[in-house]
Protein backbone atom coordinates (compact mmCIF):
# COMPACT_ATOMS: atom_id res chain seq x y z
CA MET A 1 38.82 -3.68 -13.51
CA LYS A 2 36.14 -2.88 -16.07
CA ALA A 3 33.96 0.15 -16.70
CA PHE A 4 30.47 -0.22 -18.12
CA LYS A 5 29.24 2.04 -20.90
CA CYS A 6 26.02 2.72 -22.77
CA ASN A 7 25.76 0.79 -26.03
CA ASN A 8 23.77 3.65 -27.57
CA CYS A 9 26.03 6.68 -26.93
CA ASP A 10 29.20 5.24 -25.25
CA SER A 11 28.62 7.29 -22.09
CA TYR A 12 29.86 5.96 -18.76
CA ARG A 13 27.25 7.95 -16.79
CA LEU A 14 24.88 5.11 -15.88
CA ILE A 15 22.29 4.74 -13.12
CA ILE A 16 21.56 1.20 -11.91
CA VAL A 17 17.84 0.42 -11.62
CA GLU A 18 16.25 -2.68 -10.04
CA LYS A 19 13.07 -3.91 -11.71
CA CYS A 20 10.46 -6.58 -11.09
CA HIS A 21 10.79 -9.44 -13.60
CA LYS A 22 6.98 -9.73 -13.85
CA CYS A 23 5.72 -6.15 -14.33
CA ASN A 24 8.98 -4.16 -14.83
CA GLY A 25 8.01 -2.02 -11.83
CA THR A 26 10.71 -0.18 -9.90
CA ASN A 27 8.80 0.15 -6.62
CA ILE A 28 10.80 -2.58 -4.84
CA GLU A 29 10.87 -3.15 -1.07
CA LYS A 30 13.60 -5.31 0.50
CA GLY A 31 13.62 -7.07 3.84
CA SER A 32 13.91 -10.28 5.84
CA GLN A 33 11.27 -12.96 5.43
CA MET A 34 10.13 -14.40 8.77
CA PHE A 35 8.60 -17.84 9.29
CA CYS A 36 6.12 -18.75 12.07
CA TYR A 37 6.70 -22.30 13.35
CA THR A 38 3.13 -22.50 14.73
CA CYS A 39 1.24 -22.02 11.45
CA GLY A 40 3.91 -21.84 8.74
CA TYR A 41 3.09 -18.26 7.69
CA THR A 42 5.89 -16.40 5.93
CA ALA A 43 6.04 -12.62 5.47
CA PHE A 44 8.29 -9.60 5.88
CA GLU A 45 9.60 -9.04 9.40
CA LYS A 46 7.72 -5.73 9.72
CA GLU A 47 4.41 -7.61 9.39
CA PHE A 48 5.29 -9.65 12.52
CA LYS A 49 6.22 -6.65 14.71
CA LYS A 50 3.56 -5.24 17.04
CA SER A 51 4.56 -2.78 19.77
CA ASN A 52 8.18 -4.02 19.94
CA GLU A 53 7.03 -7.66 20.16
CA MET A 54 6.73 -10.37 17.53
CA HIS A 55 3.26 -11.74 16.70
CA CYS A 56 2.25 -13.86 13.74
CA PRO A 57 -0.24 -11.84 11.67
CA LYS A 58 -2.01 -15.05 10.60
CA CYS A 59 -2.42 -17.08 13.82
CA ASN A 60 -1.68 -14.23 16.29
CA THR A 61 0.81 -16.39 18.25
CA HIS A 62 3.15 -14.34 20.44
CA LEU A 63 6.59 -15.23 19.07
CA LYS A 64 9.09 -15.01 21.90
CA VAL A 65 12.14 -17.14 21.12
CA PHE A 66 13.99 -16.85 17.82
CA THR A 67 14.67 -20.32 16.27
CA GLU A 68 12.09 -21.85 18.63
CA ASP A 69 8.92 -19.87 17.79
CA TYR A 70 10.01 -18.23 14.55
CA ALA A 71 12.94 -17.90 12.17
CA SER A 72 14.35 -15.51 9.64
CA VAL A 73 14.20 -17.42 6.36
CA PHE A 74 16.11 -15.21 3.90
CA GLU A 75 16.50 -11.71 2.53
CA THR A 76 14.05 -11.04 -0.25
CA ALA A 77 12.27 -8.29 -2.13
CA ARG A 78 8.65 -7.50 -2.92
CA CYS A 79 7.36 -5.57 -5.89
CA LEU A 80 4.87 -3.06 -4.51
CA ASP A 81 3.46 -2.46 -8.01
CA CYS A 82 2.24 -6.04 -8.62
CA ASN A 83 2.61 -7.35 -5.02
CA ILE A 84 4.74 -10.44 -5.72
CA ASP A 85 7.72 -11.66 -3.70
CA LEU A 86 11.00 -11.70 -5.58
CA ILE A 87 14.14 -13.71 -4.90
CA ASP A 88 16.08 -11.67 -7.45
CA THR A 89 15.37 -8.42 -9.24
CA GLU A 90 16.35 -7.59 -12.80
CA LEU A 91 19.21 -5.08 -12.98
CA TYR A 92 19.14 -2.39 -15.66
CA ALA A 93 21.38 0.57 -16.39
CA LYS A 94 19.80 3.84 -17.46
CA CYS A 95 22.10 6.19 -19.33
CA SER A 96 22.20 9.73 -17.90
CA GLU A 97 23.18 11.12 -21.30
CA CYS A 98 20.74 9.59 -23.82
CA GLY A 99 18.16 7.98 -21.50
CA ASP A 100 18.55 4.54 -23.06
CA GLU A 101 17.94 1.59 -20.74
CA GLN A 102 19.74 -1.74 -21.07
CA LYS A 103 20.10 -4.92 -19.04
CA LEU A 104 23.30 -4.87 -17.02
CA GLU A 105 24.70 -7.94 -18.74
CA ASP A 106 24.16 -6.34 -22.19
CA LEU A 107 26.24 -3.21 -21.49
CA GLY A 108 29.47 -2.48 -23.28
CA LYS A 109 32.62 -2.89 -21.17
CA LYS A 110 36.04 -1.26 -21.25
CA ASP A 111 39.05 -2.90 -19.58
CA LEU A 112 40.75 -0.40 -17.23
CA THR A 113 43.60 -2.59 -15.97
CA ASN A 114 46.18 -1.01 -18.32
CA VAL A 115 44.93 2.57 -18.10
C-alpha cells in the first residue's frame, strides 16, 4: 500500500480534484450517454426523460423498449464550463496545507507495506 504526498511540503492531506482537459474547469457532470436508434442522437440520459417516459430530444420519438428503441452507450462526463463531453477527466491533488496543485501521477509516494 502506498500513501501519496505533496511534492511541495510533504503533507499527506490532499484533496482529489477532477478537471476538464480542455479548459481546466472543475464543473464536471457525470452520467450515462443514451443513443436513439431512430435518429442516432446521443446525449445524457436526463435529456431523454420527459414525465417518466423516454423521448428523443432531437426527433421526439417515444422510446419504449431499451435495446430496441434506444441504448445506454457508456458512462461519461461533461464539462459545464466549456460544454464538451469527456471520456476521462484529469485528476489533480490539491494540498490542504500549502495549496499546491499537482497531477496525481506526479505526486510523491511513500510505501506503507512495512509500517
